[in-house]
Amino acid sequence: MSYAQSIDTYRHDPKQLEILFQQAAQAGEAADFAAGLDEIYHQIPENVLISAWHYRLTGPVAQAGGSRINWALAVPIALFSGLAFWLLTAPALNLSDGAPFALLVAGPLAAAFVLLYLVLADGRYRSRAAQVAGVLLLLAIFVVFFDKVRQWDQLQVLWVLHLPILAWVGVGLAILGPKPDPERRFAFVTKSIEVGVTVGLFAIAGGAFTGVTMGLFTTLGFNELDPLMRLLFTGIGGATPVLAVALVYNAKADVLEQSFNQGISKIVAILMRLLLPLTVLVLLGYLALVPGNFMEPFNNRDTLTASNAMLFAVMALLVAATPLHLDEVGPTVGRFLRWGLLALAGLTLIVSLYALAAVLYRTGMGGFTINRVTIMGWNLINIGLLGLLLTRQLRTQGNPWLAQLHSTVSVGLTAWAAWAGIVAVILPLIFKR
């Protein structure tokens, strides 16, 4: 439900505005009220009453409220998740190339435990989470069955890379619903990046703990440590997604009510914005070196793969450096940030076109393969998104530039999900080993 019109009507009536908020809260629509108020605030920021409500709903106290981490729920689920991952790394279940079976289904399995945590933390996710879990289960069954039939190493690699994307999209559908607005989608993507950074921090700590543990046992003469190593690596790795979500995301609050300017959120945002000018310089240096090494990605597969991996990292940086609201950075920093993002998008577009040319060249020389079609698809999507971003931004003046950027990322989320599904399900049916 949209409260924007009612809020605008009561913009000079404190009593009626308070009553409207209480009614929204009782109906479980406080997030809709906040979204409507934010919309009106950006239209009439000079209104004292609306401004007061804006800071009431977005200030540190409001964001901190209800953000207590439910460790009593998160830790047991994380332990069960780690145990499941450990059991699925048993040598008897290894894939045809010797890789652990858990690696193949890591995305859907981790998403299942994250969904379990969300459902037990707040029952409003139950219906959508059950539907998503069912689809992910069918996807995992398809992949496992197809892998047994085909036993194709290239397919296994593609599934390992793309199933987590589909699992992530599934969690997003469970949280946001089927038709979220661009701002809520962008907020989910931002929180997802924070979860990814938190998982990385857990992985560093877990790796250090595992190294110390293995070293201690080795000094005592224990050399048969494979079960212990699997337990530490996969157990800790399997537990971290649930713990990271519990630490970063308040399951009882709407995605727009999350904290975006405190703790890990603030650190990630500052870090990404500091990396923005450095990344622009790196891309300028890369493009300066291209003329002297122009054919390298055309002839060297490893160079082309590294270039495409770099492009994904830059796209993630582009999103992570973008604020949810302009008041997070202020008008002056916002202007510099906008032009920095445009510079990054423009340079990334040039590099993406260069990478696409290399893929097309290799395809012309060696024909279509599942890997080339996959990379080609991702390049075309990212080129289209970057072109859309630049076109919209150059046509936009004033504050709406941020909303346009959120809208572009929202379009990208749909395109990324669709292509990941095509790569995971459709392309294996088309291409032969």
Foldseek 3Di string as FASTA:
>chain_A
DACQVVCVVCLPPLVVLVVVCVVCVVVVNNVNNLVSLVVVCVVCVVRPSSVVVNCVQQPPVNQPPLLDFPCVLQVVLLQVQLVVQLVQQPQVNAAPVSHGPCLLLVQLSLLLSLLVSLCVLPVVLVPLSVVLNVVSVVLSVVLVVLCVVAVDPVLSVLSSVLSNLLSLVSSVCSQQPDDHALLLVLLSLLLVVLLVVQLVVLLVVLVVVLVVVVVVVVVVPDDPCVSVSSSSNSSSNSSSSSVSCSNQPSSVDHSVSHDQCDDSNVVQLVVLLVCLVVVLVVLVVVVVCCVVVVCVLLPPVVVLVVLLVVLVVLVSSLSNNADSACVSPDDVVVVVSVVSSLSSLVSSLVSLVSSLVSLVSNCVVPNDDLVSVLSNLVSVLSNVLSVQLNVVQVVDDDDCNSVSNSVSVVVSSVSSNVSSVCSSPVSVVVDHD
